[in-house]
């Protein structure tokens, strides 16, 4: 099973540079849900997608390391691959990249976190989940 997991990196309060960034709370909930629900599968593949600078960055490496750590905490053996979108000026580029990956890489399900106050926008507007549902034949799981 191939899951697409968009995630965000956010600054966190820390005096240690390696801990200055982490997976956002909404993304963390989606990652935990992914491994709790799908983690028992022998064929689990996860493509983690994030918006990043043009080169591999410390923040990017920490995000994927944190996702791998959450899998290990749950005893999940999954192939976790990172995909970065480097057009940092455009959320539209990130949405298009997600749609392209869903369309070209045999993604079975997209798992996305959301904030409670943004649920109506995420579910009923021209957002990424709505576009995936409208343009691709792939289920989208929104994790509160």
Protein backbone atom coordinates (compact mmCIF):
# COMPACT_ATOMS: atom_id res chain seq x y z
CA UNK A 1 0.00 0.00 0.00
CA UNK A 2 1.34 3.40 -1.02
CA UNK A 3 0.33 6.40 1.11
CA UNK A 4 1.02 10.04 0.37
CA UNK A 5 1.62 12.10 3.49
CA UNK A 6 2.03 15.87 3.02
CA UNK A 7 3.68 17.43 6.07
CA UNK A 8 4.75 20.81 7.40
CA UNK A 9 7.89 21.79 9.27
CA UNK A 10 7.51 24.54 11.86
CA UNK A 11 9.90 26.29 14.24
CA UNK A 12 9.72 25.04 17.81
CA UNK A 13 10.98 26.62 20.98
CA UNK A 14 14.43 25.22 21.55
CA UNK A 15 17.93 26.42 22.23
CA UNK A 16 19.46 23.45 20.44
CA UNK A 17 19.80 24.13 16.68
CA UNK A 18 19.05 20.50 15.72
CA UNK A 19 15.74 20.76 17.59
CA UNK A 20 14.77 24.18 16.24
CA UNK A 21 12.30 22.67 13.76
CA UNK A 22 9.78 19.88 13.94
CA UNK A 23 6.77 18.40 12.23
CA UNK A 24 3.72 20.63 12.79
CA UNK A 25 1.07 19.39 15.25
CA UNK A 26 -1.47 18.73 12.46
CA UNK A 27 1.14 16.83 10.44
CA UNK A 28 2.23 14.87 13.51
CA UNK A 29 -1.35 13.73 14.11
CA UNK A 30 -1.57 12.59 10.47
CA UNK A 31 1.74 10.71 10.73
CA UNK A 32 0.69 8.97 13.94
CA UNK A 33 -2.69 8.05 12.43
CA UNK A 34 -0.96 6.68 9.33
CA UNK A 35 1.27 4.37 11.34
CA UNK A 36 -1.42 3.38 13.84
CA UNK A 37 -3.95 2.44 11.13
CA UNK A 38 -1.75 1.20 8.28
CA UNK A 39 1.43 0.25 10.15
CA UNK A 40 0.67 -3.48 10.29
CA UNK A 41 0.86 -3.87 6.53
CA UNK A 42 3.91 -5.66 5.12
CA UNK A 43 3.81 -3.62 1.93
CA UNK A 44 3.57 -0.12 3.42
CA UNK A 45 5.24 2.64 1.44
CA UNK A 46 4.97 6.27 2.49
CA UNK A 47 5.88 9.25 0.35
CA UNK A 48 6.28 12.27 2.62
CA UNK A 49 5.86 15.55 0.74
CA UNK A 50 6.94 18.94 2.02
CA UNK A 51 7.63 22.45 0.81
CA UNK A 52 11.34 23.26 1.18
CA UNK A 53 14.16 25.43 -0.07
CA UNK A 54 15.96 24.47 -3.27
CA UNK A 55 18.65 22.49 -1.50
CA UNK A 56 18.34 19.77 1.10
CA UNK A 57 18.10 21.61 4.38
CA UNK A 58 18.52 20.82 8.04
CA UNK A 59 14.78 21.38 8.53
CA UNK A 60 13.91 18.92 5.77
CA UNK A 61 16.18 16.20 7.13
CA UNK A 62 14.77 16.66 10.63
CA UNK A 63 11.19 16.35 9.37
CA UNK A 64 11.76 13.02 7.68
CA UNK A 65 13.89 11.83 10.60
CA UNK A 66 10.99 12.67 12.93
CA UNK A 67 8.56 10.71 10.70
CA UNK A 68 10.91 7.72 10.67
CA UNK A 69 11.24 7.98 14.46
CA UNK A 70 7.45 7.89 14.87
CA UNK A 71 7.34 4.75 12.71
CA UNK A 72 10.07 3.11 14.81
CA UNK A 73 8.25 4.00 18.05
CA UNK A 74 5.29 1.99 16.78
CA UNK A 75 7.36 -0.89 15.44
CA UNK A 76 6.34 -0.04 11.88
CA UNK A 77 8.61 -1.26 9.10
CA UNK A 78 7.80 0.99 6.15
CA UNK A 79 9.63 2.35 3.16
CA UNK A 80 9.58 6.11 3.77
CA UNK A 81 10.59 8.32 0.88
CA UNK A 82 10.81 12.07 0.92
CA UNK A 83 9.68 14.35 -1.87
CA UNK A 84 10.40 18.07 -1.61
CA UNK A 85 8.70 20.84 -3.53
CA UNK A 86 11.16 23.68 -3.98
CA UNK A 87 8.91 26.49 -5.22
CA UNK A 88 8.72 28.01 -1.75
CA UNK A 89 6.80 31.05 -3.03
CA UNK A 90 3.77 29.05 -4.11
CA UNK A 91 1.35 26.84 -2.21
CA UNK A 92 -0.26 26.24 -5.60
CA UNK A 93 2.98 24.53 -6.71
CA UNK A 94 2.77 22.25 -3.67
CA UNK A 95 -0.86 21.36 -4.47
CA UNK A 96 0.02 20.65 -8.11
CA UNK A 97 2.95 18.46 -7.08
CA UNK A 98 0.72 16.47 -4.74
CA UNK A 99 -1.78 15.96 -7.56
CA UNK A 100 1.05 14.91 -9.91
CA UNK A 101 2.40 12.37 -7.41
CA UNK A 102 -1.07 10.95 -6.78
CA UNK A 103 -1.59 10.62 -10.52
CA UNK A 104 1.77 9.14 -11.43
CA UNK A 105 2.94 6.98 -8.53
CA UNK A 106 0.04 4.61 -7.80
CA UNK A 107 -0.86 6.26 -4.50
CA UNK A 108 -3.63 4.34 -2.72
CA UNK A 109 -4.59 6.95 -0.10
CA UNK A 110 -3.63 10.49 0.89
CA UNK A 111 -3.49 11.18 4.63
CA UNK A 112 -3.50 14.85 5.66
CA UNK A 113 -3.68 16.63 8.99
CA UNK A 114 -5.78 19.74 9.43
CA UNK A 115 -6.53 22.27 12.11
CA UNK A 116 -10.10 22.24 13.44
CA UNK A 117 -10.77 25.84 12.48
CA UNK A 118 -9.73 25.16 8.87
CA UNK A 119 -11.83 22.02 8.35
CA UNK A 120 -14.66 23.75 6.48
CA UNK A 121 -12.15 25.40 4.16
CA UNK A 122 -10.23 22.15 3.66
CA UNK A 123 -13.29 20.04 3.01
CA UNK A 124 -15.47 22.38 0.99
CA UNK A 125 -13.27 24.84 -0.91
CA UNK A 126 -10.76 24.59 -3.72
CA UNK A 127 -8.19 23.21 -1.30
CA UNK A 128 -5.84 20.28 -1.82
CA UNK A 129 -8.18 17.60 -0.37
CA UNK A 130 -11.10 18.84 -2.47
CA UNK A 131 -8.96 18.91 -5.62
CA UNK A 132 -7.60 15.39 -5.00
CA UNK A 133 -11.14 14.10 -4.57
CA UNK A 134 -12.31 15.99 -7.64
CA UNK A 135 -9.42 15.22 -9.97
CA UNK A 136 -8.07 11.83 -8.86
CA UNK A 137 -9.70 8.55 -7.96
CA UNK A 138 -7.91 8.31 -4.60
CA UNK A 139 -9.40 8.52 -1.10
CA UNK A 140 -8.31 11.35 1.18
CA UNK A 141 -8.22 10.88 4.95
CA UNK A 142 -8.35 14.14 6.93
CA UNK A 143 -6.99 13.72 10.45
CA UNK A 144 -8.13 16.32 13.01
